[in-house]
PDB file of N, CA and C in Angstrom:
ATOM      1  N   MET A   1       0.736  -1.026   0.073  1.00  0.00           N
ATOM      2  CA  MET A   1      -0.018  -0.305   0.368  1.00  0.00           C
ATOM      3  C   MET A   1       1.245   1.190  -0.234  1.00  0.00           C
ATOM      4  N   LYS A   2       0.577   2.527  -0.529  1.00  0.00           N
ATOM      5  CA  LYS A   2       1.320   3.582  -1.167  1.00  0.00           C
ATOM      6  C   LYS A   2       0.518   4.202  -0.373  1.00  0.00           C
ATOM      7  N   LEU A   3       1.040   5.136   0.445  1.00  0.00           N
ATOM      8  CA  LEU A   3       0.667   6.641   1.358  1.00  0.00           C
ATOM      9  C   LEU A   3       1.188   7.971   0.657  1.00  0.00           C
ATOM     10  N   SER A   4       0.340   8.711   0.566  1.00  0.00           N
ATOM     11  CA  SER A   4       0.569   9.938   0.006  1.00  0.00           C
ATOM     12  C   SER A   4       1.266  11.202   0.981  1.00  0.00           C
ATOM     13  N   LYS A   5       1.915  11.662   0.263  1.00  0.00           N
ATOM     14  CA  LYS A   5       3.181  12.584   1.096  1.00  0.00           C
ATOM     15  C   LYS A   5       2.493  13.039   2.415  1.00  0.00           C
ATOM     16  N   THR A   6       1.134  13.760   2.354  1.00  0.00           N
ATOM     17  CA  THR A   6      -0.026  14.384   3.089  1.00  0.00           C
ATOM     18  C   THR A   6       0.248  13.470   4.011  1.00  0.00           C
ATOM     19  N   ARG A   7      -0.244  11.924   3.519  1.00  0.00           N
ATOM     20  CA  ARG A   7      -0.959  11.082   5.102  1.00  0.00           C
ATOM     21  C   ARG A   7       0.165  10.159   5.760  1.00  0.00           C
ATOM     22  N   LEU A   8       1.213  10.502   5.121  1.00  0.00           N
ATOM     23  CA  LEU A   8       2.118   9.646   5.472  1.00  0.00           C
ATOM     24  C   LEU A   8       3.025  10.794   6.933  1.00  0.00           C
ATOM     25  N   SER A   9       2.941  11.965   6.001  1.00  0.00           N
ATOM     26  CA  SER A   9       3.446  13.183   7.113  1.00  0.00           C
ATOM     27  C   SER A   9       2.406  13.554   8.270  1.00  0.00           C
ATOM     28  N   GLU A  10       0.800  12.755   7.996  1.00  0.00           N
ATOM     29  CA  GLU A  10      -0.082  12.635   9.729  1.00  0.00           C
ATOM     30  C   GLU A  10       0.669  11.490  10.367  1.00  0.00           C
ATOM     31  N   ILE A  11       0.918  11.370   9.567  1.00  0.00           N
ATOM     32  CA  ILE A  11       1.167   9.408  10.694  1.00  0.00           C
ATOM     33  C   ILE A  11       2.587   9.828  11.352  1.00  0.00           C
ATOM     34  N   GLU A  12       3.471  10.735  10.635  1.00  0.00           N
ATOM     35  CA  GLU A  12       4.222  10.870  11.442  1.00  0.00           C
ATOM     36  C   GLU A  12       3.822  11.866  12.551  1.00  0.00           C
ATOM     37  N   SER A  13       3.793  12.459  12.604  1.00  0.00           N
ATOM     38  CA  SER A  13       2.951  14.018  13.313  1.00  0.00           C
ATOM     39  C   SER A  13       2.473  12.824  15.008  1.00  0.00           C
ATOM     40  N   LEU A  14       2.035  11.824  14.709  1.00  0.00           N
ATOM     41  CA  LEU A  14       1.047  11.494  15.811  1.00  0.00           C
ATOM     42  C   LEU A  14       2.065  10.947  17.088  1.00  0.00           C
ATOM     43  N   PRO A  15       1.385  11.998  18.237  1.00  0.00           N
ATOM     44  CA  PRO A  15       2.020  11.426  19.008  1.00  0.00           C
ATOM     45  C   PRO A  15       1.741   9.868  19.501  1.00  0.00           C
ATOM     46  N   GLU A  16       3.113   9.368  20.234  1.00  0.00           N
ATOM     47  CA  GLU A  16       3.247   7.853  20.246  1.00  0.00           C
ATOM     48  C   GLU A  16       1.644   7.155  21.330  1.00  0.00           C
ATOM     49  N   ASP A  17       1.454   8.258  21.937  1.00  0.00           N
ATOM     50  CA  ASP A  17       0.429   7.170  23.068  1.00  0.00           C
ATOM     51  C   ASP A  17      -1.177   7.692  22.393  1.00  0.00           C
ATOM     52  N   MET A  18      -1.118   7.963  20.608  1.00  0.00           N
ATOM     53  CA  MET A  18      -2.064   8.121  20.130  1.00  0.00           C
ATOM     54  C   MET A  18      -2.132   6.704  18.910  1.00  0.00           C
ATOM     55  N   ILE A  19      -1.009   6.219  19.011  1.00  0.00           N
ATOM     56  CA  ILE A  19      -0.484   4.891  18.254  1.00  0.00           C
ATOM     57  C   ILE A  19      -1.321   3.684  18.944  1.00  0.00           C
ATOM     58  N   ASP A  20      -2.244   2.721  18.520  1.00  0.00           N
ATOM     59  CA  ASP A  20      -3.269   1.666  19.071  1.00  0.00           C
ATOM     60  C   ASP A  20      -2.477   0.673  18.426  1.00  0.00           C
ATOM     61  N   THR A  21      -1.380   0.085  19.892  1.00  0.00           N
ATOM     62  CA  THR A  21      -0.625  -1.160  19.806  1.00  0.00           C
ATOM     63  C   THR A  21      -1.098  -2.365  20.004  1.00  0.00           C
ATOM     64  N   SER A  22      -2.640  -2.222  20.267  1.00  0.00           N
ATOM     65  CA  SER A  22      -2.451  -3.501  21.491  1.00  0.00           C
ATOM     66  C   SER A  22      -2.507  -5.071  20.562  1.00  0.00           C
ATOM     67  N   GLU A  23      -3.152  -4.665  18.983  1.00  0.00           N
ATOM     68  CA  GLU A  23      -3.759  -5.358  18.629  1.00  0.00           C
ATOM     69  C   GLU A  23      -1.611  -6.482  17.973  1.00  0.00           C
ATOM     70  N   ILE A  24      -0.439  -5.046  17.907  1.00  0.00           N
ATOM     71  CA  ILE A  24       0.895  -6.069  17.985  1.00  0.00           C
ATOM     72  C   ILE A  24       1.554  -6.618  18.906  1.00  0.00           C
ATOM     73  N   PRO A  25       2.120  -8.307  19.136  1.00  0.00           N
ATOM     74  CA  PRO A  25       2.506  -8.842  20.596  1.00  0.00           C
ATOM     75  C   PRO A  25       3.411  -7.582  20.749  1.00  0.00           C
ATOM     76  N   GLU A  26       3.889  -8.048  22.337  1.00  0.00           N
ATOM     77  CA  GLU A  26       5.001  -6.999  22.651  1.00  0.00           C
ATOM     78  C   GLU A  26       6.210  -8.514  22.382  1.00  0.00           C
ATOM     79  N   LEU A  27       7.599  -7.916  21.726  1.00  0.00           N
ATOM     80  CA  LEU A  27       8.682  -8.751  21.745  1.00  0.00           C
ATOM     81  C   LEU A  27       9.479  -8.863  22.419  1.00  0.00           C
ATOM     82  N   ASP A  28       9.581  -9.851  23.411  1.00  0.00           N
ATOM     83  CA  ASP A  28      10.521 -10.198  24.760  1.00  0.00           C
ATOM     84  C   ASP A  28      11.994 -10.730  24.040  1.00  0.00           C
ATOM     85  N   ASP A  29      12.938 -10.486  25.619  1.00  0.00           N
ATOM     86  CA  ASP A  29      14.030 -10.763  25.488  1.00  0.00           C
ATOM     87  C   ASP A  29      14.206 -11.866  24.579  1.00  0.00           C
ATOM     88  N   ASP A  30      13.917 -13.231  24.530  1.00  0.00           N
ATOM     89  CA  ASP A  30      13.906 -14.212  24.199  1.00  0.00           C
ATOM     90  C   ASP A  30      13.312 -13.538  22.280  1.00  0.00           C
ATOM     91  N   PHE A  31      12.825 -13.315  22.137  1.00  0.00           N
ATOM     92  CA  PHE A  31      12.666 -13.079  20.600  1.00  0.00           C
ATOM     93  C   PHE A  31      13.776 -12.120  20.027  1.00  0.00           C
ATOM     94  N   TRP A  32      14.731 -11.504  20.696  1.00  0.00           N
ATOM     95  CA  TRP A  32      15.750 -10.474  20.228  1.00  0.00           C
ATOM     96  C   TRP A  32      16.800 -11.710  20.433  1.00  0.00           C
ATOM     97  N   GLU A  33      16.710 -12.320  21.456  1.00  0.00           N
ATOM     98  CA  GLU A  33      18.335 -13.140  21.615  1.00  0.00           C
ATOM     99  C   GLU A  33      17.946 -14.410  20.513  1.00  0.00           C
ATOM    100  N   ASN A  34      17.040 -14.471  19.836  1.00  0.00           N
ATOM    101  CA  ASN A  34      16.761 -15.315  18.752  1.00  0.00           C
ATOM    102  C   ASN A  34      17.469 -15.139  17.932  1.00  0.00           C
ATOM    103  N   ALA A  35      16.754 -13.693  17.083  1.00  0.00           N
ATOM    104  CA  ALA A  35      16.725 -12.728  16.141  1.00  0.00           C
ATOM    105  C   ALA A  35      17.609 -12.560  15.437  1.00  0.00           C
ATOM    106  N   GLN A  36      17.046 -13.261  13.889  1.00  0.00           N
ATOM    107  CA  GLN A  36      18.566 -13.100  13.314  1.00  0.00           C
ATOM    108  C   GLN A  36      17.928 -12.249  11.667  1.00  0.00           C
ATOM    109  N   ARG A  37      19.158 -11.024  11.239  1.00  0.00           N
ATOM    110  CA  ARG A  37      19.376 -10.728  10.689  1.00  0.00           C
ATOM    111  C   ARG A  37      19.540 -11.028   8.577  1.00  0.00           C
ATOM    112  N   VAL A  38      18.308 -10.753   8.118  1.00  0.00           N
ATOM    113  CA  VAL A  38      18.098 -11.023   7.033  1.00  0.00           C
ATOM    114  C   VAL A  38      17.903 -10.869   5.898  1.00  0.00           C
ATOM    115  N   VAL A  39      18.971 -11.036   5.234  1.00  0.00           N
ATOM    116  CA  VAL A  39      19.576  -9.878   3.903  1.00  0.00           C
ATOM    117  C   VAL A  39      18.791 -10.223   2.548  1.00  0.00           C
ATOM    118  N   PRO A  40      18.436  -9.800   2.124  1.00  0.00           N
ATOM    119  CA  PRO A  40      17.511 -10.121   0.805  1.00  0.00           C
ATOM    120  C   PRO A  40      19.009 -10.952  -0.079  1.00  0.00           C
ATOM    121  N   GLU A  41      19.291 -12.000  -1.358  1.00  0.00           N
ATOM    122  CA  GLU A  41      19.941 -12.420  -1.937  1.00  0.00           C
ATOM    123  C   GLU A  41      20.368 -11.081  -2.523  1.00  0.00           C
ATOM    124  N   ASN A  42      19.716  -9.636  -3.373  1.00  0.00           N
ATOM    125  CA  ASN A  42      19.611  -8.846  -4.856  1.00  0.00           C
ATOM    126  C   ASN A  42      20.288  -8.395  -3.730  1.00  0.00           C
ATOM    127  N   TYR A  43      19.993  -7.931  -2.400  1.00  0.00           N
ATOM    128  CA  TYR A  43      20.516  -6.209  -1.431  1.00  0.00           C
ATOM    129  C   TYR A  43      21.648  -6.047  -2.089  1.00  0.00           C
ATOM    130  N   LEU A  44      21.894  -4.559  -2.041  1.00  0.00           N
ATOM    131  CA  LEU A  44      23.511  -3.851  -2.618  1.00  0.00           C
ATOM    132  C   LEU A  44      22.710  -2.526  -2.129  1.00  0.00           C
ATOM    133  N   GLN A  45      23.909  -2.342  -1.046  1.00  0.00           N
ATOM    134  CA  GLN A  45      24.429  -1.527   0.062  1.00  0.00           C
ATOM    135  C   GLN A  45      25.144   0.102  -1.079  1.00  0.00           C
ATOM    136  N   ILE A  46      24.518   0.794  -1.189  1.00  0.00           N
ATOM    137  CA  ILE A  46      24.638   2.224  -1.764  1.00  0.00           C
ATOM    138  C   ILE A  46      25.115   3.555  -1.225  1.00  0.00           C
ATOM    139  N   GLU A  47      26.113   3.999  -0.848  1.00  0.00           N
ATOM    140  CA  GLU A  47      26.374   4.986  -0.129  1.00  0.00           C
ATOM    141  C   GLU A  47      25.629   6.381  -0.724  1.00  0.00           C
ATOM    142  N   HIS A  48      25.257   6.740   0.458  1.00  0.00           N
ATOM    143  CA  HIS A  48      24.337   8.257   0.845  1.00  0.00           C
ATOM    144  C   HIS A  48      24.162   9.110   0.132  1.00  0.00           C
ATOM    145  N   GLU A  49      25.585   9.582  -0.775  1.00  0.00           N
ATOM    146  CA  GLU A  49      25.315  10.572  -1.430  1.00  0.00           C
ATOM    147  C   GLU A  49      25.223  10.110  -3.075  1.00  0.00           C
ATOM    148  N   ILE A  50      25.305   9.048  -3.696  1.00  0.00           N
ATOM    149  CA  ILE A  50      25.191   8.146  -4.562  1.00  0.00           C
ATOM    150  C   ILE A  50      23.790   8.493  -4.823  1.00  0.00           C
ATOM    151  N   LEU A  51      23.354   7.164  -3.803  1.00  0.00           N
ATOM    152  CA  LEU A  51      21.902   7.394  -3.869  1.00  0.00           C
ATOM    153  C   LEU A  51      21.482   8.591  -4.156  1.00  0.00           C
ATOM    154  N   GLU A  52      21.173   9.961  -3.191  1.00  0.00           N
ATOM    155  CA  GLU A  52      20.580  10.731  -3.451  1.00  0.00           C
ATOM    156  C   GLU A  52      20.921  11.225  -4.975  1.00  0.00           C
ATOM    157  N   TRP A  53      21.661  11.138  -5.221  1.00  0.00           N
ATOM    158  CA  TRP A  53      21.934  12.033  -7.259  1.00  0.00           C
ATOM    159  C   TRP A  53      21.377  10.886  -7.974  1.00  0.00           C
ATOM    160  N   PHE A  54      21.365  10.019  -7.370  1.00  0.00           N
ATOM    161  CA  PHE A  54      20.531   9.077  -8.348  1.00  0.00           C
ATOM    162  C   PHE A  54      18.905   9.532  -8.355  1.00  0.00           C
ATOM    163  N   LYS A  55      18.701   9.787  -7.047  1.00  0.00           N
ATOM    164  CA  LYS A  55      17.075  10.077  -7.159  1.00  0.00           C
ATOM    165  C   LYS A  55      16.381  11.275  -7.439  1.00  0.00           C
ATOM    166  N   GLY A  56      17.860  12.289  -7.240  1.00  0.00           N
ATOM    167  CA  GLY A  56      18.084  13.757  -8.266  1.00  0.00           C
ATOM    168  C   GLY A  56      17.500  13.526  -9.061  1.00  0.00           C
ATOM    169  N   GLN A  57      17.860  12.525 -10.570  1.00  0.00           N
ATOM    170  CA  GLN A  57      17.757  12.025 -11.677  1.00  0.00           C
ATOM    171  C   GLN A  57      16.767  12.214 -11.776  1.00  0.00           C
ATOM    172  N   GLY A  58      15.545  11.633 -11.650  1.00  0.00           N
ATOM    173  CA  GLY A  58      13.999  11.403 -11.354  1.00  0.00           C
ATOM    174  C   GLY A  58      13.881   9.955 -10.560  1.00  0.00           C
ATOM    175  N   PRO A  59      12.202  10.070 -10.639  1.00  0.00           N
ATOM    176  CA  PRO A  59      11.844   9.189 -10.239  1.00  0.00           C
ATOM    177  C   PRO A  59      11.890   7.151 -10.952  1.00  0.00           C
ATOM    178  N   ASP A  60      12.652   6.990 -11.534  1.00  0.00           N
ATOM    179  CA  ASP A  60      13.473   5.840 -12.090  1.00  0.00           C
ATOM    180  C   ASP A  60      14.393   5.646 -11.782  1.00  0.00           C
ATOM    181  N   TYR A  61      14.630   6.284 -10.965  1.00  0.00           N
ATOM    182  CA  TYR A  61      16.191   6.507 -10.119  1.00  0.00           C
ATOM    183  C   TYR A  61      16.997   4.975  -9.984  1.00  0.00           C
ATOM    184  N   HIS A  62      15.831   3.484  -9.639  1.00  0.00           N
ATOM    185  CA  HIS A  62      16.529   2.168  -9.959  1.00  0.00           C
ATOM    186  C   HIS A  62      16.820   2.234 -11.308  1.00  0.00           C
ATOM    187  N   ALA A  63      15.937   2.146 -12.205  1.00  0.00           N
ATOM    188  CA  ALA A  63      16.185   1.761 -13.305  1.00  0.00           C
ATOM    189  C   ALA A  63      17.675   2.559 -14.403  1.00  0.00           C
ATOM    190  N   GLN A  64      17.694   3.808 -13.843  1.00  0.00           N
ATOM    191  CA  GLN A  64      19.549   4.236 -13.720  1.00  0.00           C
ATOM    192  C   GLN A  64      20.404   4.408 -13.174  1.00  0.00           C
ATOM    193  N   ILE A  65      20.270   3.325 -12.276  1.00  0.00           N
ATOM    194  CA  ILE A  65      21.393   2.761 -11.691  1.00  0.00           C
ATOM    195  C   ILE A  65      22.117   1.661 -12.423  1.00  0.00           C
ATOM    196  N   ASN A  66      20.558   0.615 -12.791  1.00  0.00           N
ATOM    197  CA  ASN A  66      20.861  -0.202 -13.413  1.00  0.00           C
ATOM    198  C   ASN A  66      21.794  -0.037 -14.710  1.00  0.00           C
ATOM    199  N   LYS A  67      21.665   0.891 -15.455  1.00  0.00           N
ATOM    200  CA  LYS A  67      21.763   1.263 -16.491  1.00  0.00           C
ATOM    201  C   LYS A  67      23.546   1.417 -16.560  1.00  0.00           C
ATOM    202  N   VAL A  68      23.508   2.034 -15.226  1.00  0.00           N
ATOM    203  CA  VAL A  68      24.974   3.163 -15.176  1.00  0.00           C
ATOM    204  C   VAL A  68      26.174   1.571 -15.037  1.00  0.00           C
ATOM    205  N   LEU A  69      25.593   0.331 -13.899  1.00  0.00           N
ATOM    206  CA  LEU A  69      25.872  -0.699 -14.355  1.00  0.00           C
ATOM    207  C   LEU A  69      25.933  -1.780 -15.309  1.00  0.00           C
ATOM    208  N   ARG A  70      24.976  -2.070 -15.718  1.00  0.00           N
ATOM    209  CA  ARG A  70      25.001  -2.304 -17.247  1.00  0.00           C
ATOM    210  C   ARG A  70      26.858  -2.400 -17.974  1.00  0.00           C
ATOM    211  N   ALA A  71      26.181  -0.480 -18.720  1.00  0.00           N
ATOM    212  CA  ALA A  71      27.501  -0.268 -19.584  1.00  0.00           C
ATOM    213  C   ALA A  71      28.527  -0.552 -18.120  1.00  0.00           C
ATOM    214  N   HIS A  72      28.600  -0.470 -17.200  1.00  0.00           N
ATOM    215  CA  HIS A  72      30.110  -1.028 -16.539  1.00  0.00           C
ATOM    216  C   HIS A  72      30.392  -2.310 -17.181  1.00  0.00           C
ATOM    217  N   ILE A  73      29.935  -2.843 -16.730  1.00  0.00           N
ATOM    218  CA  ILE A  73      30.362  -4.906 -16.814  1.00  0.00           C
ATOM    219  C   ILE A  73      30.102  -4.506 -18.700  1.00  0.00           C
ATOM    220  N   GLU A  74      29.906  -4.005 -19.801  1.00  0.00           N
ATOM    221  CA  GLU A  74      30.053  -4.223 -20.788  1.00  0.00           C
ATOM    222  C   GLU A  74      31.422  -3.104 -20.900  1.00  0.00           C
ATOM    223  N   THR A  75      31.752  -2.571 -20.587  1.00  0.00           N
ATOM    224  CA  THR A  75      33.116  -1.831 -20.597  1.00  0.00           C
ATOM    225  C   THR A  75      34.539  -3.277 -20.201  1.00  0.00           C
ATOM    226  N   GLN A  76      33.800  -3.676 -19.770  1.00  0.00           N
ATOM    227  CA  GLN A  76      34.995  -4.929 -18.711  1.00  0.00           C
ATOM    228  C   GLN A  76      34.926  -6.113 -19.906  1.00  0.00           C
ATOM    229  N   ARG A  77      34.375  -6.612 -20.391  1.00  0.00           N
ATOM    230  CA  ARG A  77      34.224  -7.666 -21.477  1.00  0.00           C
ATOM    231  C   ARG A  77      35.222  -7.023 -22.386  1.00  0.00           C
TER     232      ARG A  77
END
């Protein structure tokens, strides 16, 4: 579900005591002792400055990143 910027702003400005968490179970110490971080196989960490530059190029920045990487691969062949 995609939220509008307006709705996201409304949610972010809610005080914590206004958020209903009654249907969410508490995470106890046992949960955290056994928790494992799972990184997707196709995960790529991009430096913040580089990602921000690509985001500034337009909404299709993911495609632009892939285009740059593909071009680099082609130059290496």
